[in-house]
Amino acid sequence: MGDAALRYAGVSLGYHGTPVLTDVELTLAGGQRLALVGPNGAGKSTLIKSVLGLVPVLGGTATVLGGAPAGARHRTGYVPQTGSLDADFPVTAAQVVMMGRYRRIGWWRPTRAVDRRAVREALDRVGLADRAGTHFGILSGGQRQRVLLARALAAEPELLLLDEPFNGVDAVSQEAVVRVLRELGAAGTALVLSTHDLTVARELADQVCLLNGRQWAIGPPAAALTGDILRRAYGGHAVDVGDGRTVLVEP
């Protein structure tokens, strides 16, 4: 057995010395899928950025792929929300995906045949091989999200982080993303995704981490997403509606 992809023990995270997320305890093995669930401002994006070494650990121990978070960044892929990339920037889908190869190529060096093949394969994997030459900005929101996923795939990561990958995504794109994520997990890639969608968390994740200023629960979806835990974590705004369903009403 190798090192865990993620190992957080008693971790507190924050900015300028002020904690915004505390009590994080989790271990994620290769091939496992972890969903981060919680209301807006709960600390989901903070936790994802800490894995990249972009948010300081104020307490506890955070290990990513066996070492310090920043040191593992070259082995980690990141899929932001589509709004993080300027849709007006004059680049094609293939050029966006090629950005995922830069750590292997080196800045200002010419691309190689192996890099161009990796880009084609990544676009094909997300179902957008025919859109390689299309301007990124004219793609639909779901297609742009798939391009950003292809960019991460081109980097061949051991750990993949996705920040709200299904926000504003059409059904076709969501199905394509879910299919790829299942394939990656089966191949041994560890996955961390943040989501507001409890159905996605229940159906896609092996583990769920429920956050709201601190970690409220960690474990299999059936154990971490009970109505009682959700009501407490969401400040009383979780309502059971029967048949195992829970509606979350945020103020």
Protein backbone atom coordinates (compact mmCIF):
# COMPACT_ATOMS: atom_id res chain seq x y z
CA MET A 1 0.00 0.00 0.00
CA GLY A 2 1.34 3.44 -0.90
CA ASP A 3 0.69 6.74 0.78
CA ALA A 4 -2.88 7.95 0.99
CA ALA A 5 -3.79 10.55 -1.63
CA LEU A 6 -5.04 12.79 1.18
CA ARG A 7 -4.54 12.62 4.92
CA TYR A 8 -5.85 15.49 7.07
CA ALA A 9 -5.54 15.18 10.85
CA GLY A 10 -7.04 17.86 13.10
CA VAL A 11 -6.65 20.47 10.36
CA SER A 12 -7.70 24.11 10.67
CA LEU A 13 -7.59 26.34 7.59
CA GLY A 14 -7.91 30.08 7.20
CA TYR A 15 -6.59 33.39 6.03
CA HIS A 16 -4.32 35.89 7.80
CA GLY A 17 -4.26 33.65 10.86
CA THR A 18 -8.07 33.51 11.20
CA PRO A 19 -9.61 30.01 10.90
CA VAL A 20 -12.55 29.61 8.53
CA LEU A 21 -12.68 25.80 8.64
CA THR A 22 -11.74 23.58 11.58
CA ASP A 23 -11.73 19.96 12.78
CA VAL A 24 -10.98 18.41 9.39
CA GLU A 25 -10.19 14.71 9.71
CA LEU A 26 -10.11 12.64 6.54
CA THR A 27 -8.16 10.00 4.66
CA LEU A 28 -8.62 9.38 0.96
CA ALA A 29 -7.03 6.45 -0.85
CA GLY A 30 -6.24 6.16 -4.52
CA GLY A 31 -9.35 5.40 -6.55
CA GLN A 32 -11.74 6.77 -3.93
CA ARG A 33 -14.19 9.60 -4.61
CA LEU A 34 -14.82 12.20 -1.89
CA ALA A 35 -17.69 14.70 -2.09
CA LEU A 36 -17.50 17.93 -0.08
CA VAL A 37 -21.02 19.05 0.84
CA GLY A 38 -22.21 22.17 2.65
CA PRO A 39 -23.98 25.52 2.19
CA ASN A 40 -22.41 28.55 0.52
CA GLY A 41 -19.47 29.76 2.55
CA ALA A 42 -19.10 26.44 4.34
CA GLY A 43 -15.42 26.06 3.45
CA LYS A 44 -15.62 23.64 0.52
CA SER A 45 -13.49 25.77 -1.83
CA THR A 46 -11.14 26.59 1.04
CA LEU A 47 -10.51 22.90 1.60
CA ILE A 48 -9.90 22.30 -2.11
CA LYS A 49 -7.46 25.21 -2.30
CA SER A 50 -5.63 23.91 0.76
CA VAL A 51 -4.97 20.65 -1.10
CA LEU A 52 -3.23 22.76 -3.74
CA GLY A 53 -1.21 24.55 -1.08
CA LEU A 54 -3.01 27.85 -1.74
CA VAL A 55 -4.59 28.18 1.71
CA PRO A 56 -2.37 27.88 4.80
CA VAL A 57 -2.81 25.13 7.36
CA LEU A 58 -3.19 26.90 10.70
CA GLY A 59 -3.27 23.74 12.79
CA GLY A 60 -3.01 19.99 12.45
CA THR A 61 -1.31 18.06 9.67
CA ALA A 62 -2.21 17.99 5.97
CA THR A 63 -0.51 15.48 3.69
CA VAL A 64 -1.15 15.28 -0.06
CA LEU A 65 0.24 12.33 -2.03
CA GLY A 66 2.67 11.63 0.78
CA GLY A 67 4.07 15.12 1.21
CA ALA A 68 3.33 18.80 1.68
CA PRO A 69 0.37 20.10 -0.36
CA ALA A 70 2.37 22.60 -2.44
CA GLY A 71 4.95 19.95 -3.27
CA ALA A 72 2.28 17.66 -4.74
CA ARG A 73 0.75 20.31 -6.99
CA HIS A 74 2.43 18.96 -10.13
CA ARG A 75 0.73 15.59 -9.50
CA THR A 76 -2.69 17.11 -8.87
CA GLY A 77 -5.32 18.21 -11.39
CA TYR A 78 -7.82 21.00 -10.74
CA VAL A 79 -11.14 21.71 -12.43
CA PRO A 80 -12.49 25.12 -11.40
CA GLN A 81 -15.96 26.43 -12.02
CA THR A 82 -16.32 27.60 -15.61
CA GLY A 83 -16.53 31.26 -14.55
CA SER A 84 -12.87 31.19 -13.47
CA LEU A 85 -11.67 31.34 -17.10
CA ASP A 86 -12.48 34.40 -19.19
CA ALA A 87 -14.81 33.25 -21.96
CA ASP A 88 -13.67 36.19 -24.13
CA PHE A 89 -10.02 35.13 -24.07
CA PRO A 90 -9.16 34.18 -27.69
CA VAL A 91 -8.27 30.50 -27.29
CA THR A 92 -9.67 27.33 -28.77
CA ALA A 93 -10.80 24.32 -26.80
CA ALA A 94 -7.60 22.48 -27.78
CA GLN A 95 -5.45 25.38 -26.61
CA VAL A 96 -7.18 25.39 -23.23
CA VAL A 97 -6.59 21.64 -22.87
CA MET A 98 -2.93 22.08 -23.86
CA MET A 99 -2.50 24.27 -20.78
CA GLY A 100 -2.75 21.05 -18.80
CA ARG A 101 0.49 19.87 -20.39
CA TYR A 102 2.58 22.93 -19.51
CA ARG A 103 4.08 21.42 -16.37
CA ARG A 104 5.37 18.55 -18.48
CA ILE A 105 6.43 20.69 -21.43
CA GLY A 106 7.79 23.73 -19.62
CA TRP A 107 6.73 27.29 -20.40
CA TRP A 108 7.74 28.72 -23.78
CA ARG A 109 8.85 25.35 -25.12
CA PRO A 110 7.31 23.84 -28.26
CA THR A 111 4.67 21.17 -27.90
CA ARG A 112 5.59 17.62 -28.78
CA ALA A 113 3.68 14.91 -30.58
CA VAL A 114 2.98 13.21 -27.24
CA ASP A 115 1.43 16.44 -25.92
CA ARG A 116 -0.79 16.92 -28.95
CA ARG A 117 -1.91 13.30 -28.70
CA ALA A 118 -2.72 13.77 -25.00
CA VAL A 119 -4.89 16.78 -25.88
CA ARG A 120 -6.77 14.87 -28.58
CA GLU A 121 -7.34 11.92 -26.27
CA ALA A 122 -8.55 14.14 -23.42
CA LEU A 123 -11.04 15.94 -25.65
CA ASP A 124 -12.25 12.64 -27.06
CA ARG A 125 -12.70 11.29 -23.56
CA VAL A 126 -15.10 14.10 -22.64
CA GLY A 127 -16.93 13.83 -25.98
CA LEU A 128 -15.61 17.02 -27.56
CA ALA A 129 -13.05 15.82 -30.08
CA ASP A 130 -15.04 17.55 -32.83
CA ARG A 131 -14.82 20.89 -30.98
CA ALA A 132 -11.03 21.07 -30.69
CA GLY A 133 -10.78 24.13 -32.95
CA THR A 134 -13.85 25.91 -31.54
CA HIS A 135 -13.38 29.16 -29.63
CA PHE A 136 -13.75 28.38 -25.94
CA GLY A 137 -16.08 31.34 -25.38
CA ILE A 138 -18.78 30.18 -27.80
CA LEU A 139 -19.12 26.75 -26.24
CA SER A 140 -22.04 26.13 -23.91
CA GLY A 141 -21.47 26.21 -20.16
CA GLY A 142 -21.53 22.43 -20.01
CA GLN A 143 -19.09 22.11 -22.89
CA ARG A 144 -16.71 24.61 -21.27
CA GLN A 145 -16.82 22.56 -18.07
CA ARG A 146 -15.93 19.45 -20.07
CA VAL A 147 -13.02 21.30 -21.70
CA LEU A 148 -11.71 22.25 -18.25
CA LEU A 149 -12.01 18.61 -17.21
CA ALA A 150 -10.09 17.61 -20.35
CA ARG A 151 -7.38 20.13 -19.41
CA ALA A 152 -6.99 18.38 -16.07
CA LEU A 153 -6.98 14.95 -17.71
CA ALA A 154 -4.19 16.03 -20.06
CA ALA A 155 -1.99 16.57 -17.02
CA GLU A 156 -2.40 12.87 -16.07
CA PRO A 157 -3.03 13.63 -12.37
CA GLU A 158 -2.92 11.15 -9.50
CA LEU A 159 -5.42 13.31 -7.58
CA LEU A 160 -8.19 15.34 -9.23
CA LEU A 161 -10.01 18.24 -7.55
CA LEU A 162 -13.29 19.60 -8.92
CA ASP A 163 -15.00 22.72 -7.59
CA GLU A 164 -18.78 22.55 -8.19
CA PRO A 165 -18.34 20.74 -11.52
CA PHE A 166 -22.10 20.44 -12.15
CA ASN A 167 -23.18 24.05 -11.60
CA GLY A 168 -25.02 25.29 -14.69
CA VAL A 169 -24.19 22.11 -16.59
CA ASP A 170 -26.70 20.49 -18.95
CA ALA A 171 -27.73 16.86 -18.55
CA VAL A 172 -25.57 15.63 -21.44
CA SER A 173 -22.46 17.26 -20.01
CA GLN A 174 -23.23 16.04 -16.50
CA GLU A 175 -23.54 12.48 -17.75
CA ALA A 176 -20.23 12.82 -19.61
CA VAL A 177 -18.46 14.20 -16.53
CA VAL A 178 -19.87 11.51 -14.24
CA ARG A 179 -18.81 8.79 -16.69
CA VAL A 180 -15.24 10.12 -16.81
CA LEU A 181 -15.06 10.45 -13.03
CA ARG A 182 -16.17 6.85 -12.57
CA GLU A 183 -13.53 5.73 -15.09
CA LEU A 184 -10.82 7.70 -13.31
CA GLY A 185 -11.74 6.22 -9.94
CA ALA A 186 -11.69 2.71 -11.39
CA ALA A 187 -8.20 3.43 -12.78
CA GLY A 188 -6.90 4.50 -9.36
CA THR A 189 -7.16 8.30 -9.51
CA ALA A 190 -8.34 9.85 -6.24
CA LEU A 191 -11.13 12.42 -6.66
CA VAL A 192 -12.37 15.30 -4.53
CA LEU A 193 -15.40 17.28 -5.69
CA SER A 194 -17.49 19.94 -4.03
CA THR A 195 -21.22 19.95 -4.71
CA HIS A 196 -24.54 21.30 -3.48
CA ASP A 197 -26.35 18.35 -5.05
CA LEU A 198 -26.99 15.66 -2.45
CA THR A 199 -28.10 13.22 -5.15
CA VAL A 200 -24.72 13.56 -6.88
CA ALA A 201 -22.95 13.08 -3.55
CA ARG A 202 -24.97 9.97 -2.73
CA GLU A 203 -24.62 8.36 -6.16
CA LEU A 204 -21.04 9.29 -7.06
CA ALA A 205 -19.03 9.47 -3.84
CA ASP A 206 -17.50 6.72 -1.75
CA GLN A 207 -17.14 9.20 1.11
CA VAL A 208 -18.92 12.45 1.96
CA CYS A 209 -17.41 15.23 4.04
CA LEU A 210 -20.09 17.56 5.41
CA LEU A 211 -18.77 21.06 6.11
CA ASN A 212 -20.06 24.31 7.54
CA GLY A 213 -17.28 26.19 9.30
CA ARG A 214 -16.08 22.87 10.63
CA GLN A 215 -16.34 19.24 9.67
CA TRP A 216 -19.71 17.86 10.78
CA ALA A 217 -19.47 14.37 9.34
CA ILE A 218 -17.24 12.12 7.25
CA GLY A 219 -18.08 8.68 5.94
CA PRO A 220 -20.19 6.79 3.40
CA PRO A 221 -23.11 8.85 2.04
CA ALA A 222 -25.72 6.87 3.96
CA ALA A 223 -23.96 7.63 7.24
CA ALA A 224 -22.86 11.24 6.60
CA LEU A 225 -26.04 12.57 4.97
CA THR A 226 -28.72 11.65 7.47
CA GLY A 227 -31.53 14.14 8.05
CA ASP A 228 -30.43 14.81 11.61
CA ILE A 229 -26.81 15.60 10.70
CA LEU A 230 -27.90 17.77 7.78
CA ARG A 231 -30.29 19.79 9.93
CA ARG A 232 -27.56 20.49 12.47
CA ALA A 233 -24.90 21.30 9.88
CA TYR A 234 -27.19 23.57 7.87
CA GLY A 235 -28.47 25.39 10.94
CA GLY A 236 -31.90 23.82 10.92
CA HIS A 237 -32.56 24.40 7.23
CA ALA A 238 -32.66 20.74 6.21
CA VAL A 239 -36.08 19.18 5.83
CA ASP A 240 -36.80 15.50 5.30
CA VAL A 241 -39.43 15.00 2.61
CA GLY A 242 -39.61 11.22 2.76
CA ASP A 243 -38.31 8.36 0.60
CA GLY A 244 -34.79 9.16 1.76
CA ARG A 245 -34.92 12.64 0.26
CA THR A 246 -33.84 15.81 2.00
CA VAL A 247 -34.55 19.37 0.91
CA LEU A 248 -32.08 22.04 1.97
CA VAL A 249 -33.42 25.57 2.30
CA GLU A 250 -30.72 28.19 2.65
CA PRO A 251 -31.56 31.65 4.06
